[in-house]
């Protein structure tokens, strides 16, 4: 069985972005490279929260984001349990109160037993200062957290395994 990778909304945004700045262009290139060359080694999954998040905004851009993730499996997780763990992540200050949706991504991945949570969200999810707390809160609630990783780190991980 292939390892599960939760595709967080920021990854979807980078897959469909047309940035002008060099740093974002690099992230887009890395994300596309991972999607095209490494993703076959994983089962890509996401939650209804991702679908809801990427489906808003400019109609054409939202359609493009939804189209690119069409082949991803939507996790079947208990929404009440996800929200309870998400709220616990906020209560225990693993993430700030304004980051509830980010907490729900983390909770969805943990409840589904996902191996990796792929994100470009450094502010709240791939935040080195908060990761230990995120992992502890998940474990304290009986769930093994998904390992949080960025596409560039995962691409490097795949390169080192070859």
Protein backbone atom coordinates (compact mmCIF):
# COMPACT_ATOMS: atom_id res chain seq x y z
CA UNK A 1 0.00 0.00 0.00
CA UNK A 2 1.27 3.46 -0.89
CA UNK A 3 1.86 5.99 1.90
CA UNK A 4 -0.93 8.56 2.24
CA UNK A 5 -0.17 12.22 1.60
CA UNK A 6 -2.71 14.84 2.68
CA UNK A 7 -2.68 17.64 0.11
CA UNK A 8 -3.28 20.87 2.05
CA UNK A 9 -4.85 23.87 0.31
CA UNK A 10 -1.62 25.85 -0.08
CA UNK A 11 -0.18 23.06 -2.25
CA UNK A 12 -3.19 23.22 -4.54
CA UNK A 13 -2.79 26.99 -4.79
CA UNK A 14 0.87 26.65 -5.78
CA UNK A 15 -0.01 24.00 -8.38
CA UNK A 16 -2.20 26.51 -10.21
CA UNK A 17 -0.41 29.80 -9.46
CA UNK A 18 1.22 32.19 -11.93
CA UNK A 19 3.43 34.26 -9.62
CA UNK A 20 5.66 37.17 -10.50
CA UNK A 21 8.16 36.95 -7.61
CA UNK A 22 11.13 34.59 -7.80
CA UNK A 23 10.58 32.79 -4.48
CA UNK A 24 7.00 31.89 -5.28
CA UNK A 25 8.00 30.86 -8.82
CA UNK A 26 10.49 28.45 -7.24
CA UNK A 27 7.84 27.00 -4.95
CA UNK A 28 5.48 26.58 -7.88
CA UNK A 29 8.19 24.76 -9.87
CA UNK A 30 8.98 22.46 -6.94
CA UNK A 31 5.31 21.74 -6.31
CA UNK A 32 4.67 20.90 -9.95
CA UNK A 33 7.80 18.71 -10.03
CA UNK A 34 6.64 16.81 -6.96
CA UNK A 35 3.11 16.46 -8.35
CA UNK A 36 4.32 15.18 -11.72
CA UNK A 37 7.30 13.04 -10.74
CA UNK A 38 6.97 11.89 -7.15
CA UNK A 39 3.27 11.74 -6.47
CA UNK A 40 2.92 8.32 -8.09
CA UNK A 41 4.72 6.92 -5.04
CA UNK A 42 1.90 8.13 -2.76
CA UNK A 43 -1.85 8.07 -2.53
CA UNK A 44 -2.92 11.70 -2.56
CA UNK A 45 -5.79 12.46 -0.21
CA UNK A 46 -7.56 15.57 1.03
CA UNK A 47 -10.51 16.58 3.12
CA UNK A 48 -13.76 18.33 2.42
CA UNK A 49 -12.11 21.35 4.07
CA UNK A 50 -9.62 21.51 1.20
CA UNK A 51 -12.39 21.27 -1.38
CA UNK A 52 -14.31 24.03 0.37
CA UNK A 53 -11.25 26.26 0.67
CA UNK A 54 -9.95 25.94 -2.89
CA UNK A 55 -13.44 26.18 -4.37
CA UNK A 56 -13.96 29.82 -3.37
CA UNK A 57 -12.81 33.03 -5.01
CA UNK A 58 -12.47 33.80 -8.69
CA UNK A 59 -14.67 31.28 -10.51
CA UNK A 60 -12.11 30.41 -13.20
CA UNK A 61 -9.25 30.02 -10.72
CA UNK A 62 -11.39 28.00 -8.33
CA UNK A 63 -12.38 25.65 -11.16
CA UNK A 64 -8.72 25.21 -12.09
CA UNK A 65 -7.81 24.39 -8.48
CA UNK A 66 -10.66 21.88 -8.21
CA UNK A 67 -9.74 20.29 -11.55
CA UNK A 68 -6.12 19.71 -10.54
CA UNK A 69 -7.14 17.71 -7.44
CA UNK A 70 -9.91 15.74 -9.10
CA UNK A 71 -8.00 12.46 -8.81
CA UNK A 72 -7.34 12.86 -5.08
CA UNK A 73 -9.39 10.76 -2.70
CA UNK A 74 -11.54 12.68 -0.25
CA UNK A 75 -11.10 11.32 3.27
CA UNK A 76 -14.11 9.91 5.06
CA UNK A 77 -13.57 11.22 8.58
CA UNK A 78 -16.05 12.00 11.32
CA UNK A 79 -16.52 15.79 11.14
CA UNK A 80 -17.40 16.04 14.85
CA UNK A 81 -14.17 14.24 15.85
CA UNK A 82 -12.12 16.37 13.46
CA UNK A 83 -13.61 19.54 14.90
CA UNK A 84 -12.98 18.33 18.48
CA UNK A 85 -9.29 17.68 17.76
CA UNK A 86 -9.03 20.92 15.80
CA UNK A 87 -10.47 22.84 18.75
CA UNK A 88 -8.07 21.08 21.10
CA UNK A 89 -5.14 22.19 18.89
CA UNK A 90 -6.39 25.77 19.28
CA UNK A 91 -7.14 25.51 23.01
CA UNK A 92 -3.64 24.17 23.69
CA UNK A 93 -2.08 26.91 21.54
CA UNK A 94 -0.61 24.59 18.93
CA UNK A 95 -2.06 27.11 16.47
CA UNK A 96 -3.53 30.57 17.02
CA UNK A 97 -7.31 30.96 17.25
CA UNK A 98 -7.45 32.55 13.77
CA UNK A 99 -6.04 29.35 12.25
CA UNK A 100 -9.02 27.06 12.87
CA UNK A 101 -9.13 25.83 9.28
CA UNK A 102 -5.44 24.93 9.48
CA UNK A 103 -6.16 23.02 12.70
CA UNK A 104 -8.92 21.14 10.89
CA UNK A 105 -6.46 20.10 8.15
CA UNK A 106 -4.08 18.74 10.78
CA UNK A 107 -6.92 17.01 12.61
CA UNK A 108 -8.33 15.47 9.41
CA UNK A 109 -4.96 14.00 8.52
CA UNK A 110 -4.42 12.65 12.04
CA UNK A 111 -7.86 11.06 12.33
CA UNK A 112 -7.46 9.39 8.92
CA UNK A 113 -4.04 7.96 9.80
CA UNK A 114 -2.33 9.85 6.99
CA UNK A 115 1.47 9.49 6.79
CA UNK A 116 2.39 12.94 5.46
CA UNK A 117 0.75 16.37 5.47
CA UNK A 118 2.06 18.30 2.48
CA UNK A 119 1.89 22.08 2.88
CA UNK A 120 3.47 25.42 2.05
CA UNK A 121 1.79 27.02 5.07
CA UNK A 122 4.78 28.06 7.18
CA UNK A 123 2.78 30.49 9.29
CA UNK A 124 0.63 27.92 11.09
CA UNK A 125 1.24 24.36 9.90
CA UNK A 126 4.89 23.89 8.87
CA UNK A 127 5.97 26.19 11.67
CA UNK A 128 9.02 24.71 13.39
CA UNK A 129 8.16 26.48 16.64
CA UNK A 130 4.72 24.87 16.77
CA UNK A 131 5.27 21.40 15.31
CA UNK A 132 6.23 19.75 18.57
CA UNK A 133 3.05 21.07 20.21
CA UNK A 134 0.94 20.02 17.21
CA UNK A 135 2.33 16.49 17.40
CA UNK A 136 1.93 16.32 21.21
CA UNK A 137 -1.71 17.46 21.13
CA UNK A 138 -2.55 14.85 18.49
CA UNK A 139 -0.83 12.08 20.46
CA UNK A 140 -2.37 13.20 23.76
CA UNK A 141 -5.76 12.76 22.07
CA UNK A 142 -4.95 9.27 20.82
CA UNK A 143 -3.97 10.06 17.23
CA UNK A 144 -0.64 9.70 15.49
CA UNK A 145 -0.09 12.96 13.62
CA UNK A 146 0.85 13.08 9.97
CA UNK A 147 4.44 14.20 9.47
CA UNK A 148 4.29 17.79 8.29
CA UNK A 149 6.47 18.40 5.25
CA UNK A 150 6.83 20.85 2.36
CA UNK A 151 6.97 19.75 -1.28
CA UNK A 152 10.66 20.70 -1.57
CA UNK A 153 11.56 18.61 1.50
CA UNK A 154 9.50 15.68 0.23
CA UNK A 155 11.07 15.95 -3.21
CA UNK A 156 14.50 15.89 -1.54
CA UNK A 157 13.45 12.91 0.58
CA UNK A 158 12.44 11.04 -2.57
CA UNK A 159 15.73 11.97 -4.28
CA UNK A 160 17.74 10.66 -1.32
CA UNK A 161 15.88 7.35 -1.39
CA UNK A 162 16.70 6.71 -5.06
